[in-house]
Amino acid sequence: SSSEQISKLEKTMFEKFRVKYLTMFFSSLCACKAAGVSTGLVVDVGHGVTRVSAVIDSDTMKEITLDTGGQDADESLLNSLTSKYPDMDLSIYVREIKERHCFATLSPKEEAVAKADNHEMLR
């Protein structure tokens, strides 16, 4: 269980590495603090899973884990490309395409303009 893993980590840190103090935080709280807010909805998309956490006044609420992640985006993109270009092996490009062109933003219009401007500068 998660509490067993935390206990094992604490024991290792204190006994093996001889740390004097140890503080652990939920990553969702750290994300909010890094953004300079104490309340937010944090969506953490990993390779295999996506975690959604609500943070209210620096207190992390229940986290929801979804069995979908970046790997699923890779597969979907590869399937789309393969159906259009069946004679080409595009698997080596899928991750680069996803990482370069798939993103989340609060201001999509401004982000699109910035990307277009950046693309023009690179020409």
N, C-alpha and C. Protein backbone atom coordinates (compact mmCIF):
# COMPACT_ATOMS: atom_id res chain seq x y z
N SER A 1 0.84 -1.19 0.00
CA SER A 1 0.00 0.00 0.00
C SER A 1 0.87 1.25 0.00
N SER A 2 0.25 2.37 -0.25
CA SER A 2 0.97 3.62 -0.31
C SER A 2 1.59 3.98 1.04
N SER A 3 0.87 3.75 2.14
CA SER A 3 1.42 4.08 3.46
C SER A 3 2.60 3.18 3.80
N GLU A 4 2.59 1.94 3.33
CA GLU A 4 3.74 1.04 3.54
C GLU A 4 4.95 1.53 2.76
N GLN A 5 4.74 2.02 1.55
CA GLN A 5 5.84 2.56 0.74
C GLN A 5 6.42 3.81 1.39
N ILE A 6 5.56 4.65 1.91
CA ILE A 6 6.02 5.87 2.58
C ILE A 6 6.83 5.51 3.81
N SER A 7 6.35 4.56 4.60
CA SER A 7 7.08 4.13 5.81
C SER A 7 8.45 3.57 5.44
N LYS A 8 8.52 2.78 4.38
CA LYS A 8 9.79 2.21 3.94
C LYS A 8 10.75 3.31 3.48
N LEU A 9 10.22 4.30 2.75
CA LEU A 9 11.03 5.42 2.30
C LEU A 9 11.56 6.21 3.49
N GLU A 10 10.69 6.49 4.46
CA GLU A 10 11.11 7.24 5.65
C GLU A 10 12.21 6.49 6.39
N LYS A 11 12.03 5.19 6.57
CA LYS A 11 13.02 4.38 7.27
C LYS A 11 14.37 4.41 6.54
N THR A 12 14.33 4.29 5.23
CA THR A 12 15.56 4.33 4.43
C THR A 12 16.25 5.67 4.55
N MET A 13 15.48 6.73 4.45
CA MET A 13 16.07 8.08 4.52
C MET A 13 16.73 8.33 5.88
N PHE A 14 16.06 7.93 6.96
CA PHE A 14 16.60 8.19 8.30
C PHE A 14 17.75 7.24 8.65
N GLU A 15 17.61 5.97 8.30
CA GLU A 15 18.62 4.99 8.73
C GLU A 15 19.81 4.90 7.78
N LYS A 16 19.54 4.85 6.48
CA LYS A 16 20.63 4.68 5.53
C LYS A 16 21.34 5.99 5.21
N PHE A 17 20.55 7.03 4.97
CA PHE A 17 21.13 8.31 4.57
C PHE A 17 21.29 9.28 5.74
N ARG A 18 20.78 8.90 6.91
CA ARG A 18 20.94 9.67 8.14
C ARG A 18 20.46 11.12 8.01
N VAL A 19 19.34 11.32 7.31
CA VAL A 19 18.78 12.67 7.23
C VAL A 19 18.23 13.06 8.61
N LYS A 20 18.31 14.33 8.94
CA LYS A 20 17.80 14.79 10.23
C LYS A 20 16.32 15.10 10.18
N TYR A 21 15.88 15.65 9.03
CA TYR A 21 14.48 16.04 8.87
C TYR A 21 13.99 15.56 7.51
N LEU A 22 12.73 15.23 7.44
CA LEU A 22 12.16 14.79 6.18
C LEU A 22 10.72 15.29 6.10
N THR A 23 10.42 15.96 5.02
CA THR A 23 9.06 16.43 4.79
C THR A 23 8.64 15.97 3.41
N MET A 24 7.45 15.40 3.30
CA MET A 24 6.94 14.95 2.01
C MET A 24 5.62 15.65 1.73
N PHE A 25 5.44 16.03 0.47
CA PHE A 25 4.23 16.71 0.03
C PHE A 25 3.65 15.98 -1.17
N PHE A 26 2.35 16.11 -1.35
CA PHE A 26 1.72 15.62 -2.57
C PHE A 26 2.22 16.46 -3.74
N SER A 27 2.47 15.83 -4.88
CA SER A 27 2.97 16.58 -6.04
C SER A 27 1.96 17.62 -6.50
N SER A 28 0.67 17.37 -6.29
CA SER A 28 -0.33 18.35 -6.70
C SER A 28 -0.20 19.65 -5.88
N LEU A 29 0.11 19.53 -4.61
CA LEU A 29 0.33 20.72 -3.77
C LEU A 29 1.57 21.47 -4.24
N CYS A 30 2.62 20.72 -4.57
CA CYS A 30 3.86 21.34 -5.06
C CYS A 30 3.60 22.08 -6.37
N ALA A 31 2.77 21.50 -7.24
CA ALA A 31 2.46 22.15 -8.52
C ALA A 31 1.73 23.46 -8.28
N CYS A 32 0.80 23.47 -7.36
CA CYS A 32 0.06 24.71 -7.05
C CYS A 32 1.00 25.75 -6.46
N LYS A 33 1.85 25.35 -5.54
CA LYS A 33 2.78 26.30 -4.93
C LYS A 33 3.73 26.87 -5.99
N ALA A 34 4.19 26.02 -6.91
CA ALA A 34 5.08 26.49 -7.98
C ALA A 34 4.37 27.50 -8.89
N ALA A 35 3.06 27.34 -9.03
CA ALA A 35 2.28 28.27 -9.85
C ALA A 35 1.87 29.51 -9.07
N GLY A 36 2.17 29.53 -7.77
CA GLY A 36 1.85 30.70 -6.95
C GLY A 36 0.40 30.77 -6.52
N VAL A 37 -0.27 29.62 -6.46
CA VAL A 37 -1.67 29.60 -6.04
C VAL A 37 -1.85 28.58 -4.91
N SER A 38 -2.89 28.76 -4.12
CA SER A 38 -3.15 27.81 -3.04
C SER A 38 -4.36 26.94 -3.34
N THR A 39 -5.07 27.25 -4.42
CA THR A 39 -6.24 26.47 -4.82
C THR A 39 -6.15 26.21 -6.33
N GLY A 40 -6.36 24.96 -6.72
CA GLY A 40 -6.32 24.64 -8.14
C GLY A 40 -6.68 23.19 -8.42
N LEU A 41 -6.88 22.89 -9.68
CA LEU A 41 -7.12 21.53 -10.14
C LEU A 41 -5.88 21.11 -10.91
N VAL A 42 -5.21 20.08 -10.44
CA VAL A 42 -3.96 19.64 -11.04
C VAL A 42 -4.21 18.37 -11.83
N VAL A 43 -3.85 18.39 -13.11
CA VAL A 43 -3.97 17.23 -13.99
C VAL A 43 -2.54 16.83 -14.37
N ASP A 44 -2.12 15.67 -13.90
CA ASP A 44 -0.77 15.17 -14.13
C ASP A 44 -0.86 13.99 -15.09
N VAL A 45 -0.47 14.20 -16.34
CA VAL A 45 -0.54 13.15 -17.35
C VAL A 45 0.82 12.47 -17.42
N GLY A 46 0.85 11.23 -17.00
CA GLY A 46 2.07 10.44 -17.08
C GLY A 46 2.04 9.55 -18.30
N HIS A 47 3.01 8.67 -18.41
CA HIS A 47 3.08 7.79 -19.58
C HIS A 47 1.91 6.80 -19.60
N GLY A 48 1.59 6.22 -18.45
CA GLY A 48 0.55 5.20 -18.41
C GLY A 48 -0.73 5.59 -17.68
N VAL A 49 -0.64 6.58 -16.81
CA VAL A 49 -1.82 7.00 -16.04
C VAL A 49 -1.91 8.51 -15.99
N THR A 50 -3.11 8.99 -15.69
CA THR A 50 -3.36 10.40 -15.47
C THR A 50 -3.95 10.56 -14.09
N ARG A 51 -3.41 11.51 -13.32
CA ARG A 51 -3.92 11.77 -11.97
C ARG A 51 -4.53 13.17 -11.94
N VAL A 52 -5.72 13.26 -11.35
CA VAL A 52 -6.41 14.53 -11.21
C VAL A 52 -6.61 14.78 -9.72
N SER A 53 -6.13 15.93 -9.25
CA SER A 53 -6.21 16.26 -7.83
C SER A 53 -6.73 17.67 -7.65
N ALA A 54 -7.59 17.83 -6.67
CA ALA A 54 -8.07 19.17 -6.30
C ALA A 54 -7.28 19.62 -5.08
N VAL A 55 -6.80 20.86 -5.14
CA VAL A 55 -6.12 21.46 -4.00
C VAL A 55 -6.93 22.69 -3.62
N ILE A 56 -7.38 22.73 -2.36
CA ILE A 56 -8.18 23.85 -1.87
C ILE A 56 -7.50 24.42 -0.64
N ASP A 57 -7.14 25.70 -0.72
CA ASP A 57 -6.45 26.38 0.38
C ASP A 57 -5.26 25.55 0.89
N SER A 58 -4.42 25.08 -0.05
CA SER A 58 -3.21 24.30 0.24
C SER A 58 -3.48 22.95 0.89
N ASP A 59 -4.68 22.46 0.76
CA ASP A 59 -5.04 21.15 1.29
C ASP A 59 -5.43 20.25 0.11
N THR A 60 -4.71 19.15 -0.06
CA THR A 60 -4.97 18.25 -1.19
C THR A 60 -6.18 17.37 -0.88
N MET A 61 -7.14 17.41 -1.79
CA MET A 61 -8.33 16.56 -1.66
C MET A 61 -8.04 15.21 -2.30
N LYS A 62 -9.03 14.37 -2.39
CA LYS A 62 -8.87 13.03 -2.97
C LYS A 62 -8.36 13.12 -4.41
N GLU A 63 -7.44 12.21 -4.73
CA GLU A 63 -6.87 12.14 -6.07
C GLU A 63 -7.59 11.05 -6.85
N ILE A 64 -7.87 11.34 -8.11
CA ILE A 64 -8.50 10.36 -9.00
C ILE A 64 -7.45 9.91 -10.01
N THR A 65 -7.32 8.61 -10.20
CA THR A 65 -6.36 8.07 -11.15
C THR A 65 -7.11 7.44 -12.32
N LEU A 66 -6.73 7.84 -13.53
CA LEU A 66 -7.33 7.31 -14.75
C LEU A 66 -6.30 6.43 -15.46
N ASP A 67 -6.74 5.31 -15.97
CA ASP A 67 -5.82 4.39 -16.65
C ASP A 67 -5.59 4.79 -18.10
N THR A 68 -5.26 6.03 -18.31
CA THR A 68 -4.91 6.52 -19.64
C THR A 68 -3.84 7.58 -19.47
N GLY A 69 -2.94 7.66 -20.43
CA GLY A 69 -1.86 8.62 -20.30
C GLY A 69 -1.23 8.92 -21.64
N GLY A 70 0.00 9.38 -21.60
CA GLY A 70 0.71 9.75 -22.81
C GLY A 70 0.90 8.59 -23.78
N GLN A 71 1.04 7.40 -23.24
CA GLN A 71 1.18 6.21 -24.07
C GLN A 71 -0.05 6.03 -24.97
N ASP A 72 -1.22 6.34 -24.42
CA ASP A 72 -2.45 6.22 -25.20
C ASP A 72 -2.50 7.27 -26.31
N ALA A 73 -1.97 8.47 -26.02
CA ALA A 73 -1.89 9.50 -27.06
C ALA A 73 -0.95 9.05 -28.17
N ASP A 74 0.17 8.41 -27.78
CA ASP A 74 1.11 7.88 -28.77
C ASP A 74 0.41 6.88 -29.69
N GLU A 75 -0.30 5.93 -29.08
CA GLU A 75 -0.99 4.89 -29.85
C GLU A 75 -2.05 5.48 -30.77
N SER A 76 -2.82 6.43 -30.27
CA SER A 76 -3.86 7.06 -31.08
C SER A 76 -3.27 7.81 -32.26
N LEU A 77 -2.21 8.56 -32.01
CA LEU A 77 -1.54 9.30 -33.07
C LEU A 77 -0.95 8.35 -34.11
N LEU A 78 -0.31 7.27 -33.65
CA LEU A 78 0.26 6.29 -34.57
C LEU A 78 -0.82 5.64 -35.42
N ASN A 79 -1.95 5.29 -34.81
CA ASN A 79 -3.06 4.69 -35.57
C ASN A 79 -3.58 5.65 -36.63
N SER A 80 -3.70 6.92 -36.29
CA SER A 80 -4.18 7.92 -37.25
C SER A 80 -3.20 8.07 -38.42
N LEU A 81 -1.92 8.15 -38.09
CA LEU A 81 -0.91 8.30 -39.14
C LEU A 81 -0.81 7.05 -40.01
N THR A 82 -0.87 5.88 -39.38
CA THR A 82 -0.76 4.62 -40.12
C THR A 82 -1.92 4.42 -41.07
N SER A 83 -3.12 4.86 -40.66
CA SER A 83 -4.27 4.72 -41.55
C SER A 83 -4.13 5.62 -42.78
N LYS A 84 -3.46 6.76 -42.61
CA LYS A 84 -3.28 7.68 -43.74
C LYS A 84 -2.06 7.32 -44.58
N TYR A 85 -1.01 6.82 -43.93
CA TYR A 85 0.24 6.46 -44.61
C TYR A 85 0.61 5.01 -44.27
N PRO A 86 -0.13 4.04 -44.80
CA PRO A 86 0.06 2.64 -44.39
C PRO A 86 1.42 2.04 -44.78
N ASP A 87 2.09 2.58 -45.75
CA ASP A 87 3.35 2.01 -46.21
C ASP A 87 4.57 2.56 -45.48
N MET A 88 4.36 3.47 -44.54
CA MET A 88 5.48 4.08 -43.83
C MET A 88 5.50 3.66 -42.36
N ASP A 89 6.70 3.45 -41.82
CA ASP A 89 6.83 3.18 -40.39
C ASP A 89 7.07 4.52 -39.69
N LEU A 90 6.02 5.03 -39.08
CA LEU A 90 6.08 6.35 -38.45
C LEU A 90 6.25 6.29 -36.94
N SER A 91 6.42 5.08 -36.40
CA SER A 91 6.48 4.92 -34.94
C SER A 91 7.64 5.69 -34.31
N ILE A 92 8.73 5.85 -35.05
CA ILE A 92 9.88 6.56 -34.47
C ILE A 92 9.63 8.06 -34.35
N TYR A 93 8.62 8.58 -35.05
CA TYR A 93 8.34 10.01 -35.03
C TYR A 93 7.21 10.41 -34.08
N VAL A 94 6.43 9.43 -33.65
CA VAL A 94 5.22 9.73 -32.89
C VAL A 94 5.50 10.49 -31.60
N ARG A 95 6.46 10.06 -30.83
CA ARG A 95 6.75 10.73 -29.56
C ARG A 95 7.22 12.17 -29.81
N GLU A 96 8.08 12.37 -30.80
CA GLU A 96 8.56 13.71 -31.10
C GLU A 96 7.41 14.62 -31.53
N ILE A 97 6.53 14.09 -32.38
CA ILE A 97 5.37 14.88 -32.83
C ILE A 97 4.52 15.26 -31.62
N LYS A 98 4.24 14.29 -30.76
CA LYS A 98 3.40 14.56 -29.59
C LYS A 98 4.04 15.60 -28.67
N GLU A 99 5.31 15.43 -28.39
CA GLU A 99 5.97 16.33 -27.45
C GLU A 99 6.15 17.73 -28.03
N ARG A 100 6.25 17.84 -29.34
CA ARG A 100 6.44 19.13 -29.96
C ARG A 100 5.13 19.88 -30.19
N HIS A 101 4.04 19.14 -30.48
CA HIS A 101 2.82 19.79 -30.92
C HIS A 101 1.60 19.60 -30.01
N CYS A 102 1.67 18.69 -29.04
CA CYS A 102 0.53 18.47 -28.15
C CYS A 102 0.81 19.15 -26.82
N PHE A 103 -0.07 20.04 -26.40
CA PHE A 103 0.15 20.77 -25.16
C PHE A 103 -1.19 21.25 -24.61
N ALA A 104 -1.16 21.65 -23.37
CA ALA A 104 -2.35 22.23 -22.73
C ALA A 104 -2.04 23.68 -22.40
N THR A 105 -3.04 24.52 -22.52
CA THR A 105 -2.84 25.94 -22.24
C THR A 105 -4.14 26.57 -21.81
N LEU A 106 -4.04 27.63 -21.05
CA LEU A 106 -5.23 28.38 -20.65
C LEU A 106 -5.61 29.42 -21.69
N SER A 107 -4.69 29.71 -22.62
CA SER A 107 -4.95 30.73 -23.64
C SER A 107 -4.55 30.18 -25.02
N PRO A 108 -5.38 29.33 -25.61
CA PRO A 108 -5.01 28.67 -26.86
C PRO A 108 -4.75 29.63 -28.02
N LYS A 109 -5.51 30.71 -28.12
CA LYS A 109 -5.30 31.64 -29.23
C LYS A 109 -3.93 32.30 -29.14
N GLU A 110 -3.58 32.78 -27.95
CA GLU A 110 -2.28 33.42 -27.77
C GLU A 110 -1.14 32.43 -27.98
N GLU A 111 -1.34 31.20 -27.51
CA GLU A 111 -0.31 30.16 -27.67
C GLU A 111 -0.11 29.83 -29.14
N ALA A 112 -1.20 29.76 -29.91
CA ALA A 112 -1.10 29.46 -31.34
C ALA A 112 -0.36 30.58 -32.07
N VAL A 113 -0.64 31.83 -31.71
CA VAL A 113 0.05 32.96 -32.33
C VAL A 113 1.54 32.91 -31.99
N ALA A 114 1.86 32.63 -30.73
CA ALA A 114 3.26 32.56 -30.31
C ALA A 114 3.99 31.44 -31.04
N LYS A 115 3.33 30.29 -31.19
CA LYS A 115 3.95 29.17 -31.91
C LYS A 115 4.17 29.52 -33.37
N ALA A 116 3.19 30.19 -33.99
CA ALA A 116 3.32 30.60 -35.39
C ALA A 116 4.47 31.59 -35.55
N ASP A 117 4.56 32.55 -34.63
CA ASP A 117 5.65 33.53 -34.68
C ASP A 117 7.00 32.84 -34.53
N ASN A 118 7.08 31.90 -33.62
CA ASN A 118 8.31 31.15 -33.39
C ASN A 118 8.67 30.33 -34.62
N HIS A 119 7.67 29.73 -35.25
CA HIS A 119 7.89 28.92 -36.44
C HIS A 119 8.44 29.81 -37.58
N GLU A 120 7.90 31.00 -37.71
CA GLU A 120 8.37 31.93 -38.75
C GLU A 120 9.81 32.35 -38.49
N MET A 121 10.17 32.55 -37.22
CA MET A 121 11.53 32.95 -36.88
C MET A 121 12.53 31.85 -37.22
N LEU A 122 12.10 30.59 -37.12
CA LEU A 122 13.00 29.47 -37.38
C LEU A 122 13.23 29.22 -38.86
N ARG A 123 12.40 29.81 -39.71
CA ARG A 123 12.55 29.59 -41.16
C ARG A 123 13.74 30.27 -41.71
